């Protein structure tokens, strides 16, 4: 494999930090950009910080050329996002700025500096409320603002690639979880929220009847595939990665609680269904097995156990409290009631 100079956006995030480590182990040069709005500096490999290749920068700012002047990346892994799908109905401007606007500013400069390839992280939300399992040949049918953003970013990538000649691979990850995940976000990542609630001695809230079906992906299972997306054989491909075993939210909550026997068992409180939430969302995985050698070596249950053990080492985290741009009776009550 040719050694590349890789810029990871959102590289202080949970997934970005793991990917940075993996790419460094493969011998690539790696830089990270993150504004630390949803990431932690401790997730960035020390070697990157020591080489002054961590750029603390908000990608919504179009004046981004300093990163390209200093590092001259050949490949970009784009993970930076506001990925709060449910909140996107109520904070559409922030979500769109942090997704589409930030990405277009990034692509514009990347093209100017001769980028070879973009590895863009999309979302299973792009498939919308179609009949699962979602396959890569299905059309995007987004039903929320975040999903519409990601679908647009996929189209923009393809359109600008055709005009300017860079390669691309689009990854569709599925509910990725594991050690180092941000525990303070009360609006996204069900497993992280449940873990933090248990450690904070709080109730667990589930929207609707809890029979929503999801496919969760333990980070160690998907990570090798993310690295292999550098390979030429996946240029021009959109690939679902992770989450072979679909489970219900109720089942997931039970698995999480079983990992904390030393804590008081929380009460599970069912709330009204969340506006715009898809009931069944899981996807095919054969393409990732064929092109990237995907293997589910760590089961969902064991993955949750590993994440719980890590979480206990850092303890409960304070919730990050951010008001929605628009508030009405459809905003989940637990978001409205945080003081």
Protein backbone atom coordinates (compact mmCIF):
# COMPACT_ATOMS: atom_id res chain seq x y z
CA UNK A 1 0.00 0.00 0.00
CA UNK A 2 1.26 3.45 -0.92
CA UNK A 3 1.91 5.61 2.14
CA UNK A 4 -0.34 8.65 2.17
CA UNK A 5 -0.60 11.99 3.93
CA UNK A 6 -4.05 11.76 5.50
CA UNK A 7 -6.09 14.56 7.05
CA UNK A 8 -8.84 13.34 9.38
CA UNK A 9 -11.63 15.81 10.04
CA UNK A 10 -13.35 15.25 13.36
CA UNK A 11 -10.22 13.43 14.42
CA UNK A 12 -10.71 14.20 18.12
CA UNK A 13 -13.96 12.30 18.04
CA UNK A 14 -14.45 8.71 19.10
CA UNK A 15 -14.22 7.17 15.62
CA UNK A 16 -11.71 9.71 14.33
CA UNK A 17 -9.26 8.98 17.12
CA UNK A 18 -9.38 5.22 16.54
CA UNK A 19 -8.94 5.72 12.79
CA UNK A 20 -5.97 8.06 13.32
CA UNK A 21 -4.23 5.42 15.45
CA UNK A 22 -4.88 2.69 12.91
CA UNK A 23 -3.58 4.73 9.99
CA UNK A 24 -0.44 5.67 11.92
CA UNK A 25 0.21 1.97 12.58
CA UNK A 26 0.05 1.40 8.82
CA UNK A 27 2.85 3.91 8.36
CA UNK A 28 0.83 6.81 6.96
CA UNK A 29 1.39 10.43 7.93
CA UNK A 30 -1.69 11.71 9.72
CA UNK A 31 -3.01 15.12 10.70
CA UNK A 32 -6.22 15.93 12.56
CA UNK A 33 -8.62 18.87 12.44
CA UNK A 34 -11.32 19.29 15.08
CA UNK A 35 -12.96 22.22 16.85
CA UNK A 36 -13.46 20.11 20.02
CA UNK A 37 -17.19 20.86 20.08
CA UNK A 38 -17.95 17.15 20.32
CA UNK A 39 -14.52 15.57 20.52
CA UNK A 40 -11.79 15.28 23.12
CA UNK A 41 -8.15 16.15 22.65
CA UNK A 42 -7.18 12.99 24.56
CA UNK A 43 -8.56 10.93 21.62
CA UNK A 44 -5.88 12.31 19.31
CA UNK A 45 -2.72 10.17 19.17
CA UNK A 46 0.15 11.83 21.02
CA UNK A 47 2.44 11.62 17.99
CA UNK A 48 0.09 13.87 16.02
CA UNK A 49 -0.07 16.47 18.79
CA UNK A 50 3.70 16.41 19.31
CA UNK A 51 4.31 16.99 15.60
CA UNK A 52 1.90 19.96 15.75
CA UNK A 53 -0.36 18.26 13.24
CA UNK A 54 -3.51 18.85 15.27
CA UNK A 55 -5.40 21.83 13.91
CA UNK A 56 -8.01 23.15 16.35
CA UNK A 57 -10.26 24.72 13.77
CA UNK A 58 -13.94 25.11 12.93
CA UNK A 59 -14.53 23.88 9.38
CA UNK A 60 -17.42 26.32 8.99
CA UNK A 61 -14.70 28.93 8.54
CA UNK A 62 -13.76 29.05 4.83
CA UNK A 63 -10.25 30.30 5.64
CA UNK A 64 -8.83 26.79 5.92
CA UNK A 65 -5.81 26.94 3.63
CA UNK A 66 -3.28 26.99 6.47
CA UNK A 67 -3.87 23.25 7.05
CA UNK A 68 -3.24 22.41 3.43
CA UNK A 69 -0.21 24.68 3.20
CA UNK A 70 1.41 23.02 6.21
CA UNK A 71 0.43 19.37 5.73
CA UNK A 72 -0.38 18.93 2.02
CA UNK A 73 -2.74 15.96 2.45
CA UNK A 74 -3.20 13.46 -0.35
CA UNK A 75 -6.28 11.83 1.25
CA UNK A 76 -9.03 13.15 3.51
CA UNK A 77 -11.12 11.05 5.88
CA UNK A 78 -14.15 13.22 6.51
CA UNK A 79 -15.88 12.45 9.83
CA UNK A 80 -16.55 15.95 11.14
CA UNK A 81 -20.29 16.43 11.58
CA UNK A 82 -23.20 17.38 13.72
CA UNK A 83 -24.64 13.87 13.74
CA UNK A 84 -27.64 14.52 15.98
CA UNK A 85 -30.23 13.07 13.66
CA UNK A 86 -33.22 13.52 15.97
CA UNK A 87 -32.25 17.07 16.85
CA UNK A 88 -31.89 18.07 13.22
CA UNK A 89 -35.63 18.81 13.03
CA UNK A 90 -35.14 21.40 15.76
CA UNK A 91 -31.63 22.75 15.04
CA UNK A 92 -31.57 22.70 11.23
CA UNK A 93 -29.17 25.60 10.77
CA UNK A 94 -26.44 24.23 13.03
CA UNK A 95 -26.74 20.76 11.52
CA UNK A 96 -26.58 22.08 7.97
CA UNK A 97 -23.67 24.42 8.69
CA UNK A 98 -21.64 21.66 10.35
CA UNK A 99 -22.39 19.16 7.61
CA UNK A 100 -22.93 20.61 4.13
CA UNK A 101 -21.35 24.05 4.55
CA UNK A 102 -18.25 22.78 6.36
CA UNK A 103 -17.82 19.97 3.83
CA UNK A 104 -18.10 22.23 0.78
CA UNK A 105 -15.54 24.66 2.20
CA UNK A 106 -13.23 21.70 2.85
CA UNK A 107 -13.69 20.19 -0.61
CA UNK A 108 -13.12 23.51 -2.33
CA UNK A 109 -9.68 23.90 -0.75
CA UNK A 110 -8.84 20.20 -1.05
CA UNK A 111 -9.49 20.32 -4.80
CA UNK A 112 -7.38 23.45 -5.13
CA UNK A 113 -4.46 21.65 -3.45
CA UNK A 114 -4.77 18.52 -5.59
CA UNK A 115 -6.36 16.00 -3.25
CA UNK A 116 -6.25 12.42 -4.57
CA UNK A 117 -9.10 10.85 -2.62
CA UNK A 118 -11.94 11.58 -0.19
CA UNK A 119 -13.22 8.91 2.20
CA UNK A 120 -16.56 10.37 3.29
CA UNK A 121 -18.53 8.99 6.22
CA UNK A 122 -22.21 9.04 5.38
CA UNK A 123 -25.08 7.74 7.48
CA UNK A 124 -27.61 4.93 7.41
CA UNK A 125 -30.16 7.68 7.98
CA UNK A 126 -29.81 8.48 4.27
CA UNK A 127 -31.90 5.39 3.42
CA UNK A 128 -34.84 6.78 5.34
CA UNK A 129 -37.91 4.68 6.11
CA UNK A 130 -37.53 2.05 3.40
CA UNK A 131 -37.89 -1.68 3.98
CA UNK A 132 -34.72 -3.06 5.58
CA UNK A 133 -32.16 -4.42 5.22
CA UNK A 134 -30.90 -1.34 3.40
CA UNK A 135 -28.55 -2.13 0.53
CA UNK A 136 -26.09 0.18 -1.21
CA UNK A 137 -28.09 0.11 -4.46
CA UNK A 138 -31.16 1.57 -2.75
CA UNK A 139 -31.83 5.26 -3.41
CA UNK A 140 -31.37 7.78 -0.65
CA UNK A 141 -34.78 8.72 0.78
CA UNK A 142 -34.00 10.94 3.78
CA UNK A 143 -36.80 11.91 6.14
CA UNK A 144 -34.88 14.24 8.47
CA UNK A 145 -32.60 17.24 8.03
CA UNK A 146 -29.43 15.39 9.05
CA UNK A 147 -30.11 12.59 6.58
CA UNK A 148 -30.84 15.13 3.84
CA UNK A 149 -27.49 16.74 4.60
CA UNK A 150 -25.63 13.45 4.30
CA UNK A 151 -27.45 12.53 1.09
CA UNK A 152 -26.54 15.92 -0.37
CA UNK A 153 -22.91 15.48 0.68
CA UNK A 154 -22.81 12.16 -1.15
CA UNK A 155 -24.16 13.81 -4.30
CA UNK A 156 -21.76 16.75 -4.00
CA UNK A 157 -18.82 14.37 -3.64
CA UNK A 158 -19.74 12.53 -6.83
CA UNK A 159 -20.46 15.73 -8.75
CA UNK A 160 -17.19 17.44 -7.84
CA UNK A 161 -15.24 14.23 -8.42
CA UNK A 162 -16.56 14.13 -11.96
CA UNK A 163 -15.55 17.74 -12.54
CA UNK A 164 -12.15 17.69 -10.79
CA UNK A 165 -10.91 14.11 -10.99
CA UNK A 166 -10.37 12.99 -7.39
CA UNK A 167 -11.35 9.51 -6.20
CA UNK A 168 -13.90 8.83 -3.48
CA UNK A 169 -15.26 6.09 -1.25
CA UNK A 170 -18.41 6.59 0.80
CA UNK A 171 -18.73 4.66 4.04
CA UNK A 172 -22.12 4.06 5.65
CA UNK A 173 -21.36 3.12 9.29
CA UNK A 174 -24.04 1.78 11.60
CA UNK A 175 -24.44 2.93 15.20
CA UNK A 176 -20.76 2.57 16.06
CA UNK A 177 -19.88 2.23 19.76
CA UNK A 178 -16.99 1.33 22.00
CA UNK A 179 -14.36 2.68 24.40
CA UNK A 180 -13.64 6.44 24.18
CA UNK A 181 -17.12 7.28 22.96
CA UNK A 182 -18.34 10.69 24.12
CA UNK A 183 -20.62 10.07 27.12
CA UNK A 184 -21.88 13.62 27.65
CA UNK A 185 -24.18 13.97 24.63
CA UNK A 186 -27.75 13.56 25.85
CA UNK A 187 -29.17 13.68 22.30
CA UNK A 188 -27.39 10.86 20.47
CA UNK A 189 -25.71 7.45 20.86
CA UNK A 190 -28.11 5.24 22.80
CA UNK A 191 -25.49 2.97 24.36
CA UNK A 192 -23.38 5.89 25.61
CA UNK A 193 -26.45 7.65 27.00
CA UNK A 194 -27.59 4.54 28.88
CA UNK A 195 -24.14 3.92 30.33
CA UNK A 196 -23.84 7.49 31.56
CA UNK A 197 -27.36 7.44 33.02
CA UNK A 198 -26.62 4.27 34.97
CA UNK A 199 -23.40 5.70 36.37
CA UNK A 200 -25.21 8.93 37.24
CA UNK A 201 -28.00 6.97 39.00
CA UNK A 202 -30.61 8.28 36.57
CA UNK A 203 -33.54 6.60 34.84
CA UNK A 204 -33.23 5.24 31.30
CA UNK A 205 -35.65 6.76 28.80
CA UNK A 206 -36.79 4.90 25.69
CA UNK A 207 -38.93 6.48 23.01
CA UNK A 208 -42.03 4.52 22.09
CA UNK A 209 -42.33 0.81 22.83
CA UNK A 210 -38.59 0.09 22.49
CA UNK A 211 -39.14 -2.43 19.70
CA UNK A 212 -37.26 -0.26 17.25
CA UNK A 213 -34.67 -2.40 15.47
CA UNK A 214 -31.09 -1.22 15.02
CA UNK A 215 -27.74 -2.76 14.10
CA UNK A 216 -24.94 -1.62 16.38
CA UNK A 217 -21.28 -1.82 15.35
CA UNK A 218 -18.44 -2.36 17.80
CA UNK A 219 -15.53 -0.16 16.74
CA UNK A 220 -12.91 -2.94 16.56
CA UNK A 221 -14.98 -4.85 14.03
CA UNK A 222 -15.31 -1.96 11.60
CA UNK A 223 -11.92 -0.28 12.06
CA UNK A 224 -9.92 -2.53 9.68
CA UNK A 225 -12.44 -1.79 6.93
CA UNK A 226 -12.13 1.94 7.43
CA UNK A 227 -8.38 1.64 6.88
CA UNK A 228 -8.83 -0.52 3.77
CA UNK A 229 -10.97 2.17 2.20
CA UNK A 230 -7.67 3.63 1.00
CA UNK A 231 -7.43 0.75 -1.50
CA UNK A 232 -8.09 1.43 -5.17
CA UNK A 233 -10.57 -1.45 -5.45
CA UNK A 234 -13.15 0.58 -3.52
CA UNK A 235 -12.79 3.82 -5.46
CA UNK A 236 -16.24 4.98 -6.53
CA UNK A 237 -17.99 2.62 -4.09
CA UNK A 238 -20.57 3.22 -1.40
CA UNK A 239 -20.25 0.55 1.31
CA UNK A 240 -22.32 -0.30 4.38
CA UNK A 241 -19.96 -1.31 7.19
CA UNK A 242 -20.78 -3.01 10.49
CA UNK A 243 -23.75 -4.28 12.45
CA UNK A 244 -24.47 -7.82 11.28
CA UNK A 245 -26.93 -8.63 14.10
CA UNK A 246 -30.02 -6.39 14.38
CA UNK A 247 -31.38 -5.98 17.92
CA UNK A 248 -34.24 -4.09 19.53
CA UNK A 249 -33.68 -1.05 21.71
CA UNK A 250 -35.28 -2.94 24.60
CA UNK A 251 -32.80 -5.79 24.19
CA UNK A 252 -29.88 -3.36 23.98
CA UNK A 253 -30.99 -1.66 27.20
CA UNK A 254 -31.09 -5.02 28.99
CA UNK A 255 -27.58 -5.93 27.82
CA UNK A 256 -26.25 -2.57 29.00
CA UNK A 257 -27.84 -2.86 32.45
CA UNK A 258 -26.43 -6.36 32.90
CA UNK A 259 -22.93 -4.87 32.62
CA UNK A 260 -23.48 -2.73 35.74
CA UNK A 261 -24.54 -5.18 38.48
CA UNK A 262 -22.78 -3.07 41.13
CA UNK A 263 -25.04 -0.07 40.38
CA UNK A 264 -28.70 0.31 41.39
CA UNK A 265 -30.88 -0.97 38.57
CA UNK A 266 -32.37 2.04 36.78
CA UNK A 267 -36.04 2.36 36.00
CA UNK A 268 -36.86 2.21 32.29
CA UNK A 269 -39.38 4.88 31.35
CA UNK A 270 -41.06 4.77 27.95
CA UNK A 271 -41.80 8.16 26.42
CA UNK A 272 -43.89 9.10 23.40
CA UNK A 273 -42.34 8.04 20.07
CA UNK A 274 -39.73 10.52 18.88
CA UNK A 275 -40.72 12.64 15.92
CA UNK A 276 -39.36 11.27 12.64
CA UNK A 277 -37.72 8.16 14.11
CA UNK A 278 -37.55 5.18 11.76
CA UNK A 279 -38.88 1.99 13.35
CA UNK A 280 -36.58 -0.50 11.64
CA UNK A 281 -33.13 0.48 10.45
CA UNK A 282 -30.50 -2.11 9.59
CA UNK A 283 -28.50 -2.80 6.47
CA UNK A 284 -26.81 -5.43 4.34
CA UNK A 285 -23.15 -6.25 4.92
CA UNK A 286 -22.17 -8.60 2.07
CA UNK A 287 -20.45 -5.87 0.07
CA UNK A 288 -18.18 -4.96 2.98
CA UNK A 289 -17.26 -8.64 3.37
CA UNK A 290 -16.46 -8.99 -0.32
CA UNK A 291 -14.51 -5.77 -0.85
CA UNK A 292 -13.06 -5.06 2.60
CA UNK A 293 -12.99 -8.42 4.38
CA UNK A 294 -15.39 -7.36 7.13
CA UNK A 295 -15.50 -9.75 10.10
CA UNK A 296 -17.69 -9.54 13.19
CA UNK A 297 -15.11 -10.82 15.67
CA UNK A 298 -16.64 -9.11 18.71
CA UNK A 299 -20.33 -9.73 19.36
CA UNK A 300 -22.71 -6.95 20.32
CA UNK A 301 -22.95 -8.26 23.87
CA UNK A 302 -19.19 -8.54 24.37
CA UNK A 303 -18.67 -5.13 22.77
CA UNK A 304 -21.06 -3.54 25.26
CA UNK A 305 -19.20 -5.27 28.08
CA UNK A 306 -15.88 -3.86 26.84
CA UNK A 307 -17.34 -0.37 26.58
CA UNK A 308 -18.87 -0.63 30.07
CA UNK A 309 -15.52 -1.64 31.59
CA UNK A 310 -13.86 1.36 29.97
CA UNK A 311 -16.64 3.72 31.08
CA UNK A 312 -16.23 2.63 34.70
CA UNK A 313 -12.59 3.73 34.57
CA UNK A 314 -13.57 7.33 33.77
CA UNK A 315 -16.83 7.46 35.73
CA UNK A 316 -20.00 9.44 35.06
CA UNK A 317 -19.78 12.51 32.86
CA UNK A 318 -21.77 15.76 33.03
CA UNK A 319 -24.36 16.18 30.31
CA UNK A 320 -23.58 18.64 27.56
CA UNK A 321 -26.55 21.00 27.55
CA UNK A 322 -27.27 22.82 24.30
CA UNK A 323 -30.64 24.39 23.53
CA UNK A 324 -32.41 23.60 20.27
CA UNK A 325 -32.87 26.40 17.75
CA UNK A 326 -36.59 25.69 17.50
CA UNK A 327 -38.71 24.38 20.37
CA UNK A 328 -42.26 23.04 20.31
CA UNK A 329 -44.19 20.13 21.78
CA UNK A 330 -42.39 17.67 19.47
CA UNK A 331 -38.99 18.29 21.08
CA UNK A 332 -38.36 15.35 23.46
CA UNK A 333 -39.24 16.45 26.97
CA UNK A 334 -35.92 15.29 28.43
CA UNK A 335 -34.14 17.73 26.10
CA UNK A 336 -36.40 20.60 27.11
CA UNK A 337 -36.12 19.93 30.84
CA UNK A 338 -32.32 19.97 31.18
CA UNK A 339 -31.29 22.91 33.32
